Protein backbone atom coordinates (compact mmCIF):
# COMPACT_ATOMS: atom_id res chain seq x y z
CA UNK A 1 -199.88 -51.51 -168.25
CA UNK A 2 -203.01 -50.13 -169.91
CA UNK A 3 -203.39 -49.37 -173.60
CA UNK A 4 -201.99 -45.97 -174.60
CA UNK A 5 -204.36 -43.08 -175.15
CA UNK A 6 -204.14 -40.94 -178.29
CA UNK A 7 -205.99 -37.65 -177.80
CA UNK A 8 -206.68 -35.26 -180.67
CA UNK A 9 -208.06 -31.79 -180.98
CA UNK A 10 -208.51 -31.53 -184.73
CA UNK A 11 -212.04 -30.27 -185.43
CA UNK A 12 -212.26 -28.93 -188.98
CA UNK A 13 -212.71 -25.19 -189.35
CA UNK A 14 -215.79 -23.89 -191.14
CA UNK A 15 -213.64 -22.23 -193.77
CA UNK A 16 -210.29 -22.99 -195.38
CA UNK A 17 -208.82 -19.50 -195.48
CA UNK A 18 -205.26 -18.39 -194.95
CA UNK A 19 -205.88 -17.81 -191.24
CA UNK A 20 -207.72 -19.89 -188.62
CA UNK A 21 -211.12 -18.45 -187.84
CA UNK A 22 -213.63 -20.53 -185.88
CA UNK A 23 -211.09 -23.23 -184.93
CA UNK A 24 -207.41 -22.82 -184.04
CA UNK A 25 -204.46 -24.41 -182.24
CA UNK A 26 -204.82 -28.07 -183.20
CA UNK A 27 -202.78 -30.44 -181.03
CA UNK A 28 -202.37 -34.09 -180.06
CA UNK A 29 -201.19 -35.99 -177.01
CA UNK A 30 -200.08 -39.59 -176.50
CA UNK A 31 -200.44 -40.69 -172.88
CA UNK A 32 -199.97 -44.00 -171.05
CA UNK A 33 -200.46 -44.94 -167.40
CA UNK A 34 -201.02 -41.30 -166.51
CA UNK A 35 -197.81 -40.05 -168.16
CA UNK A 36 -197.53 -37.89 -171.28
CA UNK A 37 -195.31 -39.70 -173.80
CA UNK A 38 -195.62 -37.27 -176.72
CA UNK A 39 -197.34 -33.94 -177.22
CA UNK A 40 -197.43 -31.64 -180.22
CA UNK A 41 -198.91 -28.25 -180.95
CA UNK A 42 -199.37 -28.45 -184.70
CA UNK A 43 -198.07 -24.93 -185.30
CA UNK A 44 -194.63 -25.95 -184.02
CA UNK A 45 -194.45 -28.68 -186.68
CA UNK A 46 -195.85 -26.78 -189.67
CA UNK A 47 -194.60 -23.27 -188.71
CA UNK A 48 -198.06 -21.84 -189.39
CA UNK A 49 -199.26 -19.91 -186.35
CA UNK A 50 -202.42 -21.24 -184.64
CA UNK A 51 -202.50 -24.02 -187.28
CA UNK A 52 -205.83 -25.83 -187.55
CA UNK A 53 -205.09 -28.42 -190.25
CA UNK A 54 -204.30 -31.56 -188.26
CA UNK A 55 -206.41 -33.61 -190.67
CA UNK A 56 -203.81 -32.87 -193.37
CA UNK A 57 -200.81 -33.93 -191.27
CA UNK A 58 -201.90 -36.71 -188.91
CA UNK A 59 -201.20 -39.50 -191.42
CA UNK A 60 -197.78 -38.06 -192.21
CA UNK A 61 -196.94 -37.83 -188.51
CA UNK A 62 -197.89 -41.47 -188.01
CA UNK A 63 -196.32 -42.85 -191.20
CA UNK A 64 -192.91 -41.27 -190.65
CA UNK A 65 -193.07 -42.31 -186.99
CA UNK A 66 -192.86 -38.75 -185.78
CA UNK A 67 -195.66 -39.91 -183.51
CA UNK A 68 -194.67 -43.22 -181.95
CA UNK A 69 -198.13 -44.69 -182.31
CA UNK A 70 -198.40 -48.27 -181.02
CA UNK A 71 -200.33 -51.01 -182.82
CA UNK A 72 -203.22 -50.78 -180.39
CA UNK A 73 -204.47 -47.66 -178.68
CA UNK A 74 -207.60 -45.91 -177.45
CA UNK A 75 -208.71 -42.73 -179.18
CA UNK A 76 -210.35 -39.66 -177.69
CA UNK A 77 -211.23 -36.59 -179.75
CA UNK A 78 -212.24 -33.18 -178.42
CA UNK A 79 -215.32 -31.56 -179.91
CA UNK A 80 -216.47 -27.96 -180.09
CA UNK A 81 -219.52 -26.07 -181.23
CA UNK A 82 -218.60 -26.54 -184.90
CA UNK A 83 -218.81 -30.34 -184.78
CA UNK A 84 -217.95 -33.76 -183.34
CA UNK A 85 -216.02 -35.53 -186.12
CA UNK A 86 -212.41 -35.94 -187.21
CA UNK A 87 -211.39 -37.48 -190.55
CA UNK A 88 -207.79 -37.50 -191.75
CA UNK A 89 -206.95 -36.36 -195.29
CA UNK A 90 -207.22 -39.81 -196.87
CA UNK A 91 -209.82 -41.09 -194.46
CA UNK A 92 -207.49 -43.58 -192.78
CA UNK A 93 -208.26 -42.22 -189.31
CA UNK A 94 -211.98 -41.71 -189.03
CA UNK A 95 -213.79 -40.55 -185.88
CA UNK A 96 -217.49 -39.80 -185.39
CA UNK A 97 -219.62 -38.95 -182.37
CA UNK A 98 -223.27 -38.14 -181.98
CA UNK A 99 -224.34 -34.57 -181.42
CA UNK A 100 -224.83 -33.83 -177.73
CA UNK A 101 -227.74 -31.71 -176.51
CA UNK A 102 -226.59 -31.63 -172.90
CA UNK A 103 -223.11 -31.19 -171.49
CA UNK A 104 -221.77 -34.49 -170.21
CA UNK A 105 -219.66 -35.00 -167.09
CA UNK A 106 -217.70 -37.88 -168.59
CA UNK A 107 -216.41 -39.12 -171.91
CA UNK A 108 -219.00 -40.13 -174.50
CA UNK A 109 -218.55 -43.43 -176.42
CA UNK A 110 -217.93 -42.80 -180.12
CA UNK A 111 -217.00 -44.67 -183.31
CA UNK A 112 -213.57 -44.75 -184.93
CA UNK A 113 -211.40 -46.86 -187.19
CA UNK A 114 -207.83 -46.71 -188.41
CA UNK A 115 -206.09 -48.06 -191.53
CA UNK A 116 -202.32 -48.28 -191.84
CA UNK A 117 -200.39 -46.76 -194.77
CA UNK A 118 -201.03 -49.79 -197.00
CA UNK A 119 -204.68 -49.91 -196.05
CA UNK A 120 -204.35 -53.60 -195.18
CA UNK A 121 -204.79 -53.54 -191.41
CA UNK A 122 -207.96 -51.60 -190.85
CA UNK A 123 -209.48 -51.94 -187.39
CA UNK A 124 -212.07 -50.40 -185.14
CA UNK A 125 -210.77 -48.41 -182.20
CA UNK A 126 -212.17 -47.97 -178.74
CA UNK A 127 -213.07 -44.32 -179.03
CA UNK A 128 -214.58 -41.49 -177.04
CA UNK A 129 -215.71 -37.92 -177.58
CA UNK A 130 -214.50 -35.42 -174.98
CA UNK A 131 -216.59 -32.27 -174.46
CA UNK A 132 -214.48 -29.19 -175.08
CA UNK A 133 -215.33 -27.86 -171.63
CA UNK A 134 -214.11 -30.98 -169.80
CA UNK A 135 -210.89 -31.00 -171.80
CA UNK A 136 -210.13 -27.45 -170.64
CA UNK A 137 -210.75 -28.32 -167.00
CA UNK A 138 -208.81 -31.61 -167.05
CA UNK A 139 -205.80 -29.92 -168.67
CA UNK A 140 -204.95 -28.81 -165.12
CA UNK A 141 -204.41 -32.32 -163.79
CA UNK A 142 -201.12 -33.20 -165.58
CA UNK A 143 -199.55 -30.15 -163.90
CA UNK A 144 -201.10 -30.29 -160.44
CA UNK A 145 -202.32 -33.87 -160.02
CA UNK A 146 -205.86 -35.12 -159.55
CA UNK A 147 -208.44 -32.61 -158.37
CA UNK A 148 -208.57 -31.75 -154.70
CA UNK A 149 -211.75 -32.66 -152.86
CA UNK A 150 -214.43 -29.94 -152.78
CA UNK A 151 -213.22 -28.05 -155.85
CA UNK A 152 -214.97 -25.67 -158.21
CA UNK A 153 -214.08 -26.38 -161.85
CA UNK A 154 -214.63 -23.55 -164.32
CA UNK A 155 -214.18 -23.47 -168.09
CA UNK A 156 -214.36 -20.00 -169.64
CA UNK A 157 -213.46 -19.76 -173.30
CA UNK A 158 -214.30 -17.85 -176.45
CA UNK A 159 -216.44 -20.82 -177.49
CA UNK A 160 -216.67 -24.45 -176.41
CA UNK A 161 -219.20 -27.13 -177.35
CA UNK A 162 -222.47 -26.09 -175.69
CA UNK A 163 -221.55 -22.65 -174.46
CA UNK A 164 -218.49 -20.64 -173.63
CA UNK A 165 -218.85 -20.89 -169.86
CA UNK A 166 -219.44 -23.92 -167.64
CA UNK A 167 -219.05 -24.82 -163.99
CA UNK A 168 -218.67 -28.21 -162.31
CA UNK A 169 -218.09 -29.28 -158.72
CA UNK A 170 -215.80 -32.12 -157.70
CA UNK A 171 -216.91 -33.81 -154.48
CA UNK A 172 -216.62 -37.36 -153.15
CA UNK A 173 -214.64 -38.34 -156.23
CA UNK A 174 -217.45 -37.32 -158.59
CA UNK A 175 -218.01 -34.51 -161.07
CA UNK A 176 -221.35 -32.67 -161.07
CA UNK A 177 -222.45 -30.09 -163.62
CA UNK A 178 -223.73 -26.85 -162.11
CA UNK A 179 -224.36 -24.72 -165.21
CA UNK A 180 -223.24 -24.07 -168.74
CA UNK A 181 -224.36 -21.43 -171.23
CA UNK A 182 -223.40 -18.70 -173.67
CA UNK A 183 -224.98 -15.84 -171.70
CA UNK A 184 -223.62 -15.46 -168.16
CA UNK A 185 -220.08 -14.49 -169.16
CA UNK A 186 -220.30 -14.57 -172.94
CA UNK A 187 -220.64 -10.82 -173.38
CA UNK A 188 -217.35 -10.30 -171.49
CA UNK A 189 -215.33 -12.83 -173.48
CA UNK A 190 -216.40 -11.04 -176.66
CA UNK A 191 -214.35 -8.02 -175.58
CA UNK A 192 -211.28 -9.99 -176.65
CA UNK A 193 -212.42 -11.85 -179.77
CA UNK A 194 -215.51 -10.21 -181.25
CA UNK A 195 -215.68 -6.54 -180.32
CA UNK A 196 -215.59 -3.75 -182.88
CA UNK A 197 -214.28 -1.14 -180.44
CA UNK A 198 -211.43 -3.38 -179.25
CA UNK A 199 -210.39 -4.34 -182.77
CA UNK A 200 -210.62 -0.74 -184.00
CA UNK A 201 -208.54 0.61 -181.11
CA UNK A 202 -205.81 -1.93 -181.84
CA UNK A 203 -206.05 -1.66 -185.63
CA UNK A 204 -206.72 -5.42 -185.78
CA UNK A 205 -208.40 -7.28 -188.62
CA UNK A 206 -211.11 -9.88 -188.05
CA UNK A 207 -208.72 -12.78 -188.77
CA UNK A 208 -206.31 -11.53 -186.08
CA UNK A 209 -208.72 -12.47 -183.29
CA UNK A 210 -206.30 -15.04 -181.83
CA UNK A 211 -203.74 -12.32 -181.04
CA UNK A 212 -206.15 -9.61 -179.84
CA UNK A 213 -206.59 -10.87 -176.23
CA UNK A 214 -202.92 -10.39 -175.34
CA UNK A 215 -202.74 -7.06 -177.14
CA UNK A 216 -205.87 -5.68 -175.48
CA UNK A 217 -204.68 -6.74 -172.02
CA UNK A 218 -201.36 -4.96 -172.58
CA UNK A 219 -203.01 -1.87 -174.05
CA UNK A 220 -205.49 -1.65 -171.16
CA UNK A 221 -202.64 -1.18 -168.70
CA UNK A 222 -201.97 2.29 -170.14
CA UNK A 223 -205.42 3.59 -169.21
CA UNK A 224 -207.69 3.92 -166.21
CA UNK A 225 -211.18 2.63 -165.47
CA UNK A 226 -213.87 5.27 -166.07
CA UNK A 227 -217.42 4.81 -164.73
CA UNK A 228 -218.90 7.07 -167.41
CA UNK A 229 -217.21 5.03 -170.13
CA UNK A 230 -218.69 1.89 -168.59
CA UNK A 231 -222.20 3.40 -168.74
CA UNK A 232 -221.62 4.37 -172.38
CA UNK A 233 -220.36 0.88 -173.22
CA UNK A 234 -223.43 -0.70 -171.65
CA UNK A 235 -225.73 1.64 -173.59
CA UNK A 236 -224.06 0.47 -176.81
CA UNK A 237 -223.98 -3.25 -175.92
CA UNK A 238 -220.21 -2.85 -175.40
CA UNK A 239 -219.85 -2.67 -179.22
CA UNK A 240 -219.73 -6.47 -179.26
CA UNK A 241 -219.93 -8.03 -182.73
CA UNK A 242 -217.41 -7.15 -185.43
CA UNK A 243 -220.13 -6.79 -188.06
CA UNK A 244 -222.57 -4.86 -185.89
CA UNK A 245 -220.80 -1.48 -185.89
CA UNK A 246 -218.92 0.85 -188.19
CA UNK A 247 -215.73 2.64 -187.08
CA UNK A 248 -216.99 6.06 -188.17
CA UNK A 249 -220.22 5.56 -186.25
CA UNK A 250 -218.24 4.65 -183.10
CA UNK A 251 -216.17 7.84 -183.43
CA UNK A 252 -219.39 9.85 -183.79
CA UNK A 253 -220.82 8.19 -180.69
CA UNK A 254 -217.64 9.08 -178.78
CA UNK A 255 -217.87 12.74 -179.78
CA UNK A 256 -221.59 12.91 -179.04
CA UNK A 257 -221.08 11.65 -175.48
CA UNK A 258 -217.59 12.86 -174.53
CA UNK A 259 -216.76 15.70 -176.90
CA UNK A 260 -213.68 15.95 -179.10
CA UNK A 261 -211.59 13.37 -177.22
CA UNK A 262 -210.87 11.14 -180.25
CA UNK A 263 -211.22 11.91 -183.94
CA UNK A 264 -209.61 8.64 -185.04
CA UNK A 265 -208.40 5.33 -183.64
CA UNK A 266 -204.90 5.85 -182.30
CA UNK A 267 -203.25 3.72 -179.60
CA UNK A 268 -201.61 6.85 -178.13
CA UNK A 269 -205.00 8.42 -177.41
CA UNK A 270 -205.65 8.59 -173.61
CA UNK A 271 -209.43 8.26 -174.00
CA UNK A 272 -209.09 5.06 -176.00
CA UNK A 273 -206.61 3.73 -173.45
CA UNK A 274 -209.26 4.39 -170.79
CA UNK A 275 -211.81 2.53 -172.94
CA UNK A 276 -209.52 -0.51 -173.00
CA UNK A 277 -208.90 -0.26 -169.25
CA UNK A 278 -212.63 -0.07 -168.64
CA UNK A 279 -213.32 -3.15 -170.76
CA UNK A 280 -210.63 -5.01 -168.81
CA UNK A 281 -212.10 -3.89 -165.49
CA UNK A 282 -215.60 -4.98 -166.52
CA UNK A 283 -214.18 -8.38 -167.47
CA UNK A 284 -212.46 -8.73 -164.08
CA UNK A 285 -215.55 -7.67 -162.14
CA UNK A 286 -217.80 -9.99 -164.16
CA UNK A 287 -215.62 -13.03 -163.47
CA UNK A 288 -215.23 -12.18 -159.78
CA UNK A 289 -218.95 -11.58 -159.31
CA UNK A 290 -219.72 -14.98 -160.86
CA UNK A 291 -217.19 -16.72 -158.61
CA UNK A 292 -218.50 -14.93 -155.53
CA UNK A 293 -222.06 -16.01 -156.37
CA UNK A 294 -220.95 -19.62 -156.82
CA UNK A 295 -219.02 -19.56 -153.56
CA UNK A 296 -221.97 -18.19 -151.61
CA UNK A 297 -223.93 -21.22 -152.75
CA UNK A 298 -221.40 -24.06 -152.87
CA UNK A 299 -218.51 -23.10 -150.50
CA UNK A 300 -215.71 -24.80 -152.44
CA UNK A 301 -212.12 -24.84 -151.18
CA UNK A 302 -210.27 -24.81 -154.51
CA UNK A 303 -210.66 -23.44 -158.02
CA UNK A 304 -209.49 -25.18 -161.21
CA UNK A 305 -209.81 -22.74 -164.07
CA UNK A 306 -209.42 -23.48 -167.80
CA UNK A 307 -210.15 -22.00 -171.21
CA UNK A 308 -208.59 -19.12 -173.12
CA UNK A 309 -209.96 -16.56 -170.66
CA UNK A 310 -207.71 -18.03 -167.96
CA UNK A 311 -204.77 -16.42 -169.81
CA UNK A 312 -205.98 -13.03 -168.54
CA UNK A 313 -203.37 -12.74 -165.82
CA UNK A 314 -204.77 -9.53 -164.31
CA UNK A 315 -208.05 -11.30 -163.62
CA UNK A 316 -206.19 -14.33 -162.28
CA UNK A 317 -204.44 -12.10 -159.76
CA UNK A 318 -207.74 -10.54 -158.71
CA UNK A 319 -209.14 -14.02 -158.08
CA UNK A 320 -206.16 -14.86 -155.87
CA UNK A 321 -206.38 -11.54 -154.02
CA UNK A 322 -210.09 -12.06 -153.38
CA UNK A 323 -209.32 -14.88 -150.96
CA UNK A 324 -212.32 -16.85 -152.25
CA UNK A 325 -210.29 -20.06 -152.52
CA UNK A 326 -207.50 -21.81 -150.63
CA UNK A 327 -205.80 -22.47 -153.96
CA UNK A 328 -206.20 -21.55 -157.64
CA UNK A 329 -204.93 -23.92 -160.35
CA UNK A 330 -204.48 -23.05 -164.05
CA UNK A 331 -202.56 -25.05 -166.67
CA UNK A 332 -199.81 -23.38 -168.72
CA UNK A 333 -201.75 -24.58 -171.80
CA UNK A 334 -205.16 -23.53 -170.50
CA UNK A 335 -206.26 -22.34 -173.96
CA UNK A 336 -207.09 -24.62 -176.90
CA UNK A 337 -203.45 -25.69 -177.23
CA UNK A 338 -203.96 -27.92 -174.17
CA UNK A 339 -207.23 -29.60 -175.17
CA UNK A 340 -205.61 -32.88 -176.19
CA UNK A 341 -203.72 -32.98 -172.87
CA UNK A 342 -206.97 -32.51 -170.97
CA UNK A 343 -208.82 -35.13 -173.01
CA UNK A 344 -206.00 -37.67 -172.59
CA UNK A 345 -205.92 -37.01 -168.85
CA UNK A 346 -209.67 -37.55 -168.57
CA UNK A 347 -209.56 -40.89 -170.41
CA UNK A 348 -206.57 -42.02 -168.37
CA UNK A 349 -208.49 -41.07 -165.22
CA UNK A 350 -211.53 -43.05 -166.36
CA UNK A 351 -209.22 -46.04 -166.96
CA UNK A 352 -208.22 -45.81 -163.31
CA UNK A 353 -204.73 -44.43 -163.89
CA UNK A 354 -203.26 -41.83 -161.54
CA UNK A 355 -202.24 -38.72 -163.47
CA UNK A 356 -198.57 -37.97 -162.99
CA UNK A 357 -197.43 -34.39 -162.36
CA UNK A 358 -195.43 -32.96 -165.28
CA UNK A 359 -193.34 -29.88 -165.86
CA UNK A 360 -194.53 -27.63 -168.72
CA UNK A 361 -191.78 -28.79 -171.10
CA UNK A 362 -193.80 -31.32 -173.07
CA UNK A 363 -193.78 -30.34 -176.76
CA UNK A 364 -191.30 -33.05 -177.74
CA UNK A 365 -192.27 -34.18 -181.25
CA UNK A 366 -189.39 -33.95 -183.79
CA UNK A 367 -186.85 -33.30 -181.07
CA UNK A 368 -183.76 -35.49 -180.83
CA UNK A 369 -180.96 -35.26 -178.29
CA UNK A 370 -182.85 -33.17 -175.77
CA UNK A 371 -180.78 -34.34 -172.78
CA UNK A 372 -177.93 -32.00 -171.95
CA UNK A 373 -175.62 -31.07 -169.09
CA UNK A 374 -175.51 -27.61 -167.57
CA UNK A 375 -171.87 -26.52 -167.67
CA UNK A 376 -170.49 -23.73 -165.46
CA UNK A 377 -168.36 -22.31 -168.27
CA UNK A 378 -171.40 -22.05 -170.55
CA UNK A 379 -173.38 -20.33 -167.79
CA UNK A 380 -170.56 -17.84 -167.31
CA UNK A 381 -170.27 -17.21 -171.06
CA UNK A 382 -174.01 -16.61 -171.34
CA UNK A 383 -173.96 -14.30 -168.32
CA UNK A 384 -171.07 -12.31 -169.79
CA UNK A 385 -172.99 -11.71 -173.01
CA UNK A 386 -176.05 -10.61 -171.07
CA UNK A 387 -174.01 -8.24 -168.90
CA UNK A 388 -172.78 -6.64 -172.14
CA UNK A 389 -176.44 -5.79 -172.91
CA UNK A 390 -176.73 -8.50 -175.55
CA UNK A 391 -179.86 -10.43 -176.50
CA UNK A 392 -179.63 -14.22 -176.39
CA UNK A 393 -182.01 -16.86 -177.72
CA UNK A 394 -182.48 -19.99 -175.60
CA UNK A 395 -183.34 -23.34 -177.23
CA UNK A 396 -182.84 -25.97 -174.55
CA UNK A 397 -184.30 -29.45 -174.32
CA UNK A 398 -188.04 -29.85 -174.86
CA UNK A 399 -190.28 -26.93 -175.78
CA UNK A 400 -193.00 -25.54 -173.53
CA UNK A 401 -196.66 -26.51 -173.84
CA UNK A 402 -198.97 -23.55 -174.30
CA UNK A 403 -198.65 -20.05 -175.74
CA UNK A 404 -195.96 -18.65 -173.43
CA UNK A 405 -192.22 -19.25 -173.39
CA UNK A 406 -191.07 -20.44 -169.97
CA UNK A 407 -187.30 -20.50 -170.32
CA UNK A 408 -186.66 -23.30 -172.81
CA UNK A 409 -187.64 -21.29 -175.91
CA UNK A 410 -187.05 -17.75 -174.71
CA UNK A 411 -185.28 -14.55 -175.72
CA UNK A 412 -183.48 -13.18 -172.68
CA UNK A 413 -181.68 -9.95 -171.82
CA UNK A 414 -181.06 -7.75 -168.79
CA UNK A 415 -184.28 -6.43 -167.28
CA UNK A 416 -182.99 -3.06 -166.03
CA UNK A 417 -183.11 -1.10 -169.30
CA UNK A 418 -186.21 0.40 -170.95
CA UNK A 419 -184.21 0.99 -174.11
CA UNK A 420 -183.11 -2.63 -174.37
CA UNK A 421 -186.64 -3.81 -173.62
CA UNK A 422 -188.11 -1.61 -176.35
CA UNK A 423 -185.46 -2.75 -178.80
CA UNK A 424 -186.28 -6.41 -178.21
CA UNK A 425 -190.03 -5.88 -178.33
CA UNK A 426 -190.33 -3.38 -181.17
CA UNK A 427 -187.21 -3.86 -183.32
CA UNK A 428 -186.33 -7.52 -182.84
CA UNK A 429 -189.86 -8.94 -182.52
CA UNK A 430 -191.77 -6.14 -184.32
CA UNK A 431 -194.40 -5.90 -181.57
CA UNK A 432 -196.61 -2.91 -180.83
CA UNK A 433 -195.23 -0.14 -178.61
CA UNK A 434 -197.77 -0.63 -175.82
CA UNK A 435 -197.08 -4.34 -175.19
CA UNK A 436 -194.88 -5.27 -172.23
CA UNK A 437 -192.25 -7.96 -171.97
CA UNK A 438 -192.16 -10.22 -168.94
CA UNK A 439 -189.39 -10.98 -166.44
CA UNK A 440 -188.08 -14.34 -165.30
CA UNK A 441 -186.51 -14.44 -161.83
CA UNK A 442 -185.69 -16.62 -158.88
CA UNK A 443 -188.60 -17.12 -156.50
CA UNK A 444 -186.66 -15.45 -153.67
CA UNK A 445 -186.17 -12.33 -155.80
CA UNK A 446 -189.85 -12.27 -156.74
CA UNK A 447 -190.72 -12.25 -153.03
CA UNK A 448 -188.27 -9.38 -152.57
CA UNK A 449 -189.63 -7.07 -155.28
CA UNK A 450 -193.38 -7.63 -154.87
CA UNK A 451 -195.98 -7.04 -152.18
CA UNK A 452 -198.17 -9.97 -153.15
CA UNK A 453 -198.62 -13.63 -152.40
CA UNK A 454 -196.73 -15.69 -154.98
CA UNK A 455 -198.57 -18.84 -156.01
CA UNK A 456 -197.85 -21.82 -158.24
CA UNK A 457 -199.34 -19.83 -161.14
CA UNK A 458 -196.16 -17.75 -161.29
CA UNK A 459 -194.25 -20.83 -162.49
CA UNK A 460 -196.30 -20.61 -165.68
CA UNK A 461 -196.38 -16.81 -166.06
CA UNK A 462 -200.08 -16.71 -165.16
CA UNK A 463 -200.03 -14.16 -162.32
CA UNK A 464 -199.62 -10.38 -162.32
CA UNK A 465 -197.63 -8.58 -159.61
CA UNK A 466 -197.31 -5.01 -158.38
CA UNK A 467 -193.63 -4.10 -158.15
CA UNK A 468 -192.36 -2.17 -155.13
CA UNK A 469 -191.38 1.37 -156.04
CA UNK A 470 -187.78 0.93 -154.87
CA UNK A 471 -187.25 -1.76 -157.54
CA UNK A 472 -188.76 0.06 -160.51
CA UNK A 473 -185.40 1.21 -161.88
CA UNK A 474 -183.69 -2.13 -161.38
CA UNK A 475 -186.56 -3.73 -163.32
CA UNK A 476 -187.22 -0.81 -165.67
CA UNK A 477 -187.40 -3.01 -168.76
CA UNK A 478 -190.15 -5.26 -167.44
CA UNK A 479 -192.27 -2.99 -165.23
CA UNK A 480 -195.36 -2.07 -167.21
CA UNK A 481 -197.15 1.30 -167.38
CA UNK A 482 -199.28 0.43 -164.33
CA UNK A 483 -196.21 -0.62 -162.29
CA UNK A 484 -196.92 -4.34 -162.61
CA UNK A 485 -194.99 -7.23 -164.09
CA UNK A 486 -195.99 -10.70 -165.31
CA UNK A 487 -193.28 -12.58 -163.46
CA UNK A 488 -192.28 -16.16 -164.16
CA UNK A 489 -190.59 -17.64 -161.11
CA UNK A 490 -187.94 -20.35 -160.95
CA UNK A 491 -187.70 -21.85 -157.47
CA UNK A 492 -185.14 -24.64 -157.88
CA UNK A 493 -183.00 -26.50 -160.38
CA UNK A 494 -185.77 -29.03 -161.00
CA UNK A 495 -187.96 -26.28 -162.49
CA UNK A 496 -185.43 -25.50 -165.23
CA UNK A 497 -181.75 -26.46 -164.68
CA UNK A 498 -180.18 -23.98 -167.11
CA UNK A 499 -182.33 -20.99 -166.17
CA UNK A 500 -181.97 -21.66 -162.43
CA UNK A 501 -178.18 -21.84 -162.70
CA UNK A 502 -178.03 -18.75 -164.96
CA UNK A 503 -180.28 -16.63 -162.74
CA UNK A 504 -178.43 -17.76 -159.61
CA UNK A 505 -175.03 -16.91 -161.12
CA UNK A 506 -176.21 -13.49 -162.34
CA UNK A 507 -177.68 -12.66 -158.95
CA UNK A 508 -174.73 -13.84 -156.87
CA UNK A 509 -171.99 -12.34 -159.06
CA UNK A 510 -173.64 -9.20 -160.47
CA UNK A 511 -176.70 -8.55 -158.28
CA UNK A 512 -179.06 -9.03 -161.24
CA UNK A 513 -182.63 -9.52 -160.06
CA UNK A 514 -184.27 -10.69 -163.28
CA UNK A 515 -184.01 -11.18 -167.02
CA UNK A 516 -186.37 -10.19 -169.77
CA UNK A 517 -188.16 -13.33 -170.92
CA UNK A 518 -190.10 -13.17 -174.17
CA UNK A 519 -190.92 -15.96 -176.59
CA UNK A 520 -188.30 -17.09 -179.11
CA UNK A 521 -190.09 -16.41 -182.38
CA UNK A 522 -189.92 -13.85 -185.15
CA UNK A 523 -192.98 -11.82 -186.09
CA UNK A 524 -195.78 -14.01 -187.46
CA UNK A 525 -194.02 -17.25 -186.47
CA UNK A 526 -194.87 -19.76 -183.76
CA UNK A 527 -192.34 -20.32 -180.98
CA UNK A 528 -189.33 -22.22 -182.35
CA UNK A 529 -189.22 -25.96 -181.79
CA UNK A 530 -186.01 -27.40 -183.27
CA UNK A 531 -182.45 -26.11 -183.19
CA UNK A 532 -182.64 -25.54 -186.96
CA UNK A 533 -185.66 -23.28 -186.47
CA UNK A 534 -183.85 -21.53 -183.62
CA UNK A 535 -180.83 -20.72 -185.81
CA UNK A 536 -183.06 -19.50 -188.63
CA UNK A 537 -185.13 -17.23 -186.37
CA UNK A 538 -182.04 -15.98 -184.54
CA UNK A 539 -180.48 -14.87 -187.82
CA UNK A 540 -183.73 -13.31 -188.99
CA UNK A 541 -184.02 -11.34 -185.75
CA UNK A 542 -180.30 -10.49 -185.68
CA UNK A 543 -179.74 -11.89 -182.19
CA UNK A 544 -176.35 -11.53 -180.53
CA UNK A 545 -176.09 -15.11 -179.32
CA UNK A 546 -177.88 -18.40 -178.99
CA UNK A 547 -177.87 -21.24 -176.46
CA UNK A 548 -178.59 -24.68 -177.89
CA UNK A 549 -178.94 -27.47 -175.31
CA UNK A 550 -176.82 -25.62 -172.80
CA UNK A 551 -174.05 -24.48 -175.15
CA UNK A 552 -173.51 -20.79 -175.81
CA UNK A 553 -172.67 -19.58 -179.32
CA UNK A 554 -171.90 -15.99 -180.33
CA UNK A 555 -173.69 -15.00 -183.53
CA UNK A 556 -172.20 -11.54 -184.10
């Protein structure tokens, strides 16, 4: 048995405002012999969305044994472009690493020490700094296993440590850096986190940049690509930079080029919808062109893709459809929420440990009694509520890693009603009208209703599918404006025992193809973690029922 690995992503933000700005989604992971023992997204513990204050809570987590930290452990901390240090509130856990001028292909030795609560047992730790880019890439391995031979490894994020884009190749058991920079793809990532036109179209404030990517992707589906809009965007540097443009000036530029198509920013405006669709299309084409160029030169068999940009499911589907790779692998926590997982996996790999393959249900801190039996009577009771057009919250076992609910912390309802879908999205969750909700379905049903190849990415809701016309009405609540759906597939009971049994029962008894699956959280909240949080959010959202560890309870 090797020493456990404690991995932390806790870089301090450059400001201390109400909302995360440069840094977000702090998390930690405890791993031993290639297996994740504990993992926590800080927001699930503090109930502050995208929380970036791990320095304030790490000592508390250790002292009250919420984190089962052993007496001796190795420490690895993830850096980013804002810095390389982590110091807990009272300085008891202190980590420092030298500034790196070049992107490394392995962990970098660092300095760290830890004092216990009494300050009597201070000791130096064996410590390492993990480049942000490597952490994103290695976050794939706990879900798919060690990298396949002859693989292209790409990190594409809003910002990392020495760029926002980097590429590595894995051959003969070794990692080689190909390129990293801010320029090749940086302009395209800005569409989603630093673009005045995007933010203005969505009515988003600067501090809401963490939520804009998902909103813009959903909004773009209502419009169509327009070549003239693309030319106009290029002429105006895509309106990248929140402080570089004024909303009134953008409206004037629209009128000057296209006439009176928009006199204000309104999400119902067809021209603005086409602007969003064009930005999305440029993003897709930019990523595909880069991958095609790399493939022409290096001829890799597989792609491992990490970073926040890998959450753009439309682009993911285009990559799969391109046929450039035999397989495409993306972690469910491919954004910053999975950085500690990636860093832990890298250190465990360097120790010589084989990384075990995990399911996505890893966020286990503060959870007691997560084992439960799936009972037929509870499945039938849940199904009956759903068939009565009720909305049910699911809080089973361990919570999902990453930003998307995958059946253990989900709101579910029948997927055949636009009215029910809109009620859940707009009334229950207070989301914008243009944002879709996703379906969860058995793999065999997904094959039935789509025309596309269904890959492992669908297990994590990371692939987009065109829905056959004959199934549009049966899936009316989850088919988006462009006739696509972001399906999560369940292939067997091992994937998720309760959801597999529920979906199987609904299909066999009632012919139900899918359920709406959206995250179990009220507006402005993170996804629920504990059963107490689940009850509180369920009451706040006025849900009809709730399932806690396999047991159905009617709430109204």
